[in-house]
Amino acid sequence: MDSKRAHKQKKAWVKTAVAINFLNVSAQTLKRYRSINEGGFLLEGKHYRSGLHSNSSILWDLEAVEEEFIHRGLVRVQADKVLAEV
């Protein structure tokens, strides 16, 4: 495999500023969804990663976060349908 192809297959981790623009959410919302917060569902190592230092940027896997948002949206829609039938 050549280096260009290997580079394309590597996960792209982006800073919060890029993530909020792509996902159309605020920085506070995105950070609130992290698993270190009560009710947070984005997992460290899968959806985001912290840097080595306390002042390092949080990096996000846009594809994984978007998939989680879609999944949770579908679950909510299904739950609303069930509640409407009761």
N, C-alpha and C. Protein backbone atom coordinates (compact mmCIF):
# COMPACT_ATOMS: atom_id res chain seq x y z
N MET A 1 0.85 -1.18 0.00
CA MET A 1 0.00 0.00 0.00
C MET A 1 0.89 1.24 0.00
N ASP A 2 0.58 2.19 -0.89
CA ASP A 2 1.41 3.39 -0.94
C ASP A 2 1.04 4.35 0.20
N SER A 3 1.91 5.32 0.45
CA SER A 3 1.72 6.21 1.61
C SER A 3 0.49 7.10 1.46
N LYS A 4 0.13 7.48 0.24
CA LYS A 4 -1.07 8.31 0.05
C LYS A 4 -2.33 7.55 0.46
N ARG A 5 -2.43 6.29 0.06
CA ARG A 5 -3.60 5.49 0.41
C ARG A 5 -3.63 5.25 1.92
N ALA A 6 -2.51 4.95 2.51
CA ALA A 6 -2.45 4.73 3.96
C ALA A 6 -2.87 5.98 4.70
N HIS A 7 -2.47 7.14 4.22
CA HIS A 7 -2.84 8.40 4.85
C HIS A 7 -4.35 8.62 4.78
N LYS A 8 -4.97 8.30 3.67
CA LYS A 8 -6.42 8.48 3.53
C LYS A 8 -7.19 7.57 4.46
N GLN A 9 -6.68 6.40 4.77
CA GLN A 9 -7.38 5.46 5.62
C GLN A 9 -7.21 5.79 7.10
N LYS A 10 -6.27 6.64 7.42
CA LYS A 10 -6.03 7.02 8.81
C LYS A 10 -7.17 7.91 9.28
N LYS A 11 -7.61 7.70 10.54
CA LYS A 11 -8.66 8.55 11.10
C LYS A 11 -8.21 9.99 11.13
N ALA A 12 -9.14 10.87 10.86
CA ALA A 12 -8.87 12.30 10.93
C ALA A 12 -9.42 12.85 12.24
N TRP A 13 -8.56 13.29 13.10
CA TRP A 13 -8.95 13.92 14.36
C TRP A 13 -8.85 15.42 14.18
N VAL A 14 -9.93 16.14 14.52
CA VAL A 14 -9.96 17.59 14.30
C VAL A 14 -10.21 18.31 15.62
N LYS A 15 -9.81 19.56 15.66
CA LYS A 15 -10.03 20.39 16.84
C LYS A 15 -11.51 20.75 16.97
N THR A 16 -11.87 21.20 18.15
CA THR A 16 -13.26 21.53 18.47
C THR A 16 -13.85 22.55 17.50
N ALA A 17 -13.09 23.56 17.12
CA ALA A 17 -13.60 24.59 16.21
C ALA A 17 -14.06 24.00 14.88
N VAL A 18 -13.33 23.04 14.37
CA VAL A 18 -13.72 22.38 13.11
C VAL A 18 -14.94 21.50 13.36
N ALA A 19 -14.94 20.78 14.46
CA ALA A 19 -16.04 19.86 14.78
C ALA A 19 -17.37 20.59 14.93
N ILE A 20 -17.37 21.72 15.63
CA ILE A 20 -18.64 22.42 15.85
C ILE A 20 -19.21 22.96 14.55
N ASN A 21 -18.35 23.39 13.64
CA ASN A 21 -18.84 23.86 12.34
C ASN A 21 -19.40 22.73 11.51
N PHE A 22 -18.72 21.60 11.50
CA PHE A 22 -19.18 20.46 10.71
C PHE A 22 -20.46 19.86 11.28
N LEU A 23 -20.52 19.72 12.61
CA LEU A 23 -21.66 19.07 13.26
C LEU A 23 -22.81 20.02 13.57
N ASN A 24 -22.58 21.31 13.41
CA ASN A 24 -23.59 22.34 13.65
C ASN A 24 -24.11 22.32 15.10
N VAL A 25 -23.19 22.24 16.04
CA VAL A 25 -23.51 22.33 17.46
C VAL A 25 -22.53 23.31 18.10
N SER A 26 -22.86 23.77 19.29
CA SER A 26 -21.94 24.68 19.98
C SER A 26 -20.81 23.88 20.63
N ALA A 27 -19.75 24.58 20.96
CA ALA A 27 -18.63 23.94 21.65
C ALA A 27 -19.08 23.42 23.01
N GLN A 28 -19.91 24.17 23.70
CA GLN A 28 -20.40 23.74 25.02
C GLN A 28 -21.23 22.47 24.90
N THR A 29 -22.08 22.40 23.89
CA THR A 29 -22.90 21.20 23.69
C THR A 29 -22.02 19.99 23.42
N LEU A 30 -21.07 20.16 22.53
CA LEU A 30 -20.19 19.05 22.18
C LEU A 30 -19.40 18.58 23.40
N LYS A 31 -18.87 19.51 24.15
CA LYS A 31 -18.10 19.15 25.34
C LYS A 31 -18.99 18.53 26.42
N ARG A 32 -20.25 18.97 26.51
CA ARG A 32 -21.19 18.42 27.49
C ARG A 32 -21.51 16.96 27.18
N TYR A 33 -21.46 16.57 25.92
CA TYR A 33 -21.77 15.19 25.52
C TYR A 33 -20.62 14.22 25.80
N ARG A 34 -19.47 14.73 26.24
CA ARG A 34 -18.34 13.83 26.54
C ARG A 34 -18.69 12.94 27.71
N SER A 35 -18.17 11.72 27.69
CA SER A 35 -18.49 10.71 28.70
C SER A 35 -18.02 11.07 30.11
N ILE A 36 -17.15 12.05 30.24
CA ILE A 36 -16.70 12.44 31.59
C ILE A 36 -17.78 13.24 32.32
N ASN A 37 -18.81 13.66 31.60
CA ASN A 37 -19.90 14.43 32.19
C ASN A 37 -21.11 13.52 32.42
N GLU A 38 -21.90 13.82 33.44
CA GLU A 38 -23.10 13.04 33.70
C GLU A 38 -24.02 13.10 32.49
N GLY A 39 -24.42 11.96 32.01
CA GLY A 39 -25.27 11.89 30.83
C GLY A 39 -24.51 11.97 29.52
N GLY A 40 -23.21 12.15 29.59
CA GLY A 40 -22.41 12.22 28.36
C GLY A 40 -22.30 10.86 27.70
N PHE A 41 -22.34 10.84 26.39
CA PHE A 41 -22.33 9.58 25.67
C PHE A 41 -21.20 9.44 24.66
N LEU A 42 -20.43 10.48 24.45
CA LEU A 42 -19.30 10.39 23.54
C LEU A 42 -18.11 9.84 24.30
N LEU A 43 -17.54 8.77 23.80
CA LEU A 43 -16.51 8.03 24.51
C LEU A 43 -15.11 8.48 24.15
N GLU A 44 -14.28 8.63 25.18
CA GLU A 44 -12.88 8.99 24.94
C GLU A 44 -12.19 7.83 24.24
N GLY A 45 -11.43 8.14 23.23
CA GLY A 45 -10.74 7.13 22.45
C GLY A 45 -11.52 6.69 21.23
N LYS A 46 -12.83 6.86 21.27
CA LYS A 46 -13.67 6.53 20.11
C LYS A 46 -14.17 7.80 19.43
N HIS A 47 -14.79 8.67 20.18
CA HIS A 47 -15.37 9.90 19.63
C HIS A 47 -14.46 11.11 19.81
N TYR A 48 -13.71 11.12 20.86
CA TYR A 48 -12.79 12.23 21.12
C TYR A 48 -11.56 11.72 21.84
N ARG A 49 -10.54 12.54 21.87
CA ARG A 49 -9.35 12.21 22.65
C ARG A 49 -8.78 13.49 23.23
N SER A 50 -8.26 13.35 24.42
CA SER A 50 -7.61 14.47 25.09
C SER A 50 -6.13 14.44 24.75
N GLY A 51 -5.50 15.58 24.87
CA GLY A 51 -4.07 15.65 24.61
C GLY A 51 -3.26 15.18 25.80
N LEU A 52 -1.96 15.23 25.63
CA LEU A 52 -1.06 14.80 26.69
C LEU A 52 -1.04 15.75 27.88
N HIS A 53 -1.34 17.00 27.63
CA HIS A 53 -1.25 18.02 28.66
C HIS A 53 -2.63 18.60 28.95
N SER A 54 -2.79 19.20 30.11
CA SER A 54 -4.09 19.74 30.51
C SER A 54 -4.56 20.88 29.59
N ASN A 55 -3.62 21.55 28.95
CA ASN A 55 -4.02 22.64 28.05
C ASN A 55 -4.02 22.21 26.58
N SER A 56 -3.87 20.92 26.31
CA SER A 56 -3.92 20.42 24.93
C SER A 56 -5.34 20.47 24.41
N SER A 57 -5.48 20.65 23.12
CA SER A 57 -6.79 20.66 22.49
C SER A 57 -7.45 19.28 22.56
N ILE A 58 -8.77 19.28 22.69
CA ILE A 58 -9.53 18.05 22.55
C ILE A 58 -9.70 17.83 21.05
N LEU A 59 -9.48 16.61 20.61
CA LEU A 59 -9.63 16.28 19.19
C LEU A 59 -10.82 15.35 19.02
N TRP A 60 -11.52 15.49 17.89
CA TRP A 60 -12.77 14.79 17.64
C TRP A 60 -12.69 13.97 16.36
N ASP A 61 -13.29 12.80 16.38
CA ASP A 61 -13.46 11.97 15.18
C ASP A 61 -14.84 12.31 14.62
N LEU A 62 -14.88 13.15 13.61
CA LEU A 62 -16.16 13.64 13.08
C LEU A 62 -17.08 12.52 12.63
N GLU A 63 -16.54 11.53 11.96
CA GLU A 63 -17.36 10.43 11.46
C GLU A 63 -18.01 9.66 12.61
N ALA A 64 -17.24 9.35 13.63
CA ALA A 64 -17.78 8.60 14.77
C ALA A 64 -18.81 9.41 15.54
N VAL A 65 -18.56 10.70 15.73
CA VAL A 65 -19.51 11.56 16.45
C VAL A 65 -20.80 11.70 15.65
N GLU A 66 -20.68 11.92 14.35
CA GLU A 66 -21.88 12.05 13.51
C GLU A 66 -22.71 10.76 13.53
N GLU A 67 -22.05 9.62 13.46
CA GLU A 67 -22.77 8.33 13.53
C GLU A 67 -23.52 8.20 14.85
N GLU A 68 -22.90 8.62 15.94
CA GLU A 68 -23.55 8.55 17.26
C GLU A 68 -24.74 9.49 17.32
N PHE A 69 -24.62 10.68 16.78
CA PHE A 69 -25.74 11.63 16.74
C PHE A 69 -26.90 11.03 15.95
N ILE A 70 -26.61 10.45 14.80
CA ILE A 70 -27.66 9.85 13.96
C ILE A 70 -28.34 8.71 14.71
N HIS A 71 -27.54 7.85 15.33
CA HIS A 71 -28.09 6.72 16.09
C HIS A 71 -29.02 7.22 17.19
N ARG A 72 -28.57 8.19 17.96
CA ARG A 72 -29.37 8.70 19.06
C ARG A 72 -30.62 9.42 18.57
N GLY A 73 -30.54 10.06 17.42
CA GLY A 73 -31.72 10.69 16.83
C GLY A 73 -32.76 9.66 16.43
N LEU A 74 -32.31 8.56 15.84
CA LEU A 74 -33.23 7.49 15.44
C LEU A 74 -33.89 6.85 16.65
N VAL A 75 -33.12 6.64 17.71
CA VAL A 75 -33.67 6.06 18.94
C VAL A 75 -34.74 6.99 19.51
N ARG A 76 -34.46 8.29 19.50
CA ARG A 76 -35.44 9.25 20.02
C ARG A 76 -36.73 9.22 19.22
N VAL A 77 -36.63 9.15 17.89
CA VAL A 77 -37.81 9.11 17.02
C VAL A 77 -38.62 7.85 17.32
N GLN A 78 -37.94 6.72 17.46
CA GLN A 78 -38.64 5.47 17.78
C GLN A 78 -39.33 5.55 19.14
N ALA A 79 -38.67 6.14 20.11
CA ALA A 79 -39.26 6.29 21.44
C ALA A 79 -40.48 7.20 21.38
N ASP A 80 -40.42 8.26 20.60
CA ASP A 80 -41.57 9.16 20.45
C ASP A 80 -42.75 8.42 19.84
N LYS A 81 -42.51 7.53 18.89
CA LYS A 81 -43.58 6.75 18.26
C LYS A 81 -44.24 5.82 19.28
N VAL A 82 -43.42 5.16 20.08
CA VAL A 82 -43.95 4.25 21.11
C VAL A 82 -44.78 5.03 22.12
N LEU A 83 -44.29 6.17 22.55
CA LEU A 83 -45.02 6.97 23.53
C LEU A 83 -46.33 7.49 22.95
N ALA A 84 -46.36 7.79 21.67
CA ALA A 84 -47.58 8.28 21.03
C ALA A 84 -48.65 7.19 20.95
N GLU A 85 -48.21 5.94 20.91
CA GLU A 85 -49.15 4.82 20.82
C GLU A 85 -49.76 4.46 22.16
N VAL A 86 -49.16 4.94 23.24
CA VAL A 86 -49.65 4.57 24.59
C VAL A 86 -50.85 5.36 24.96
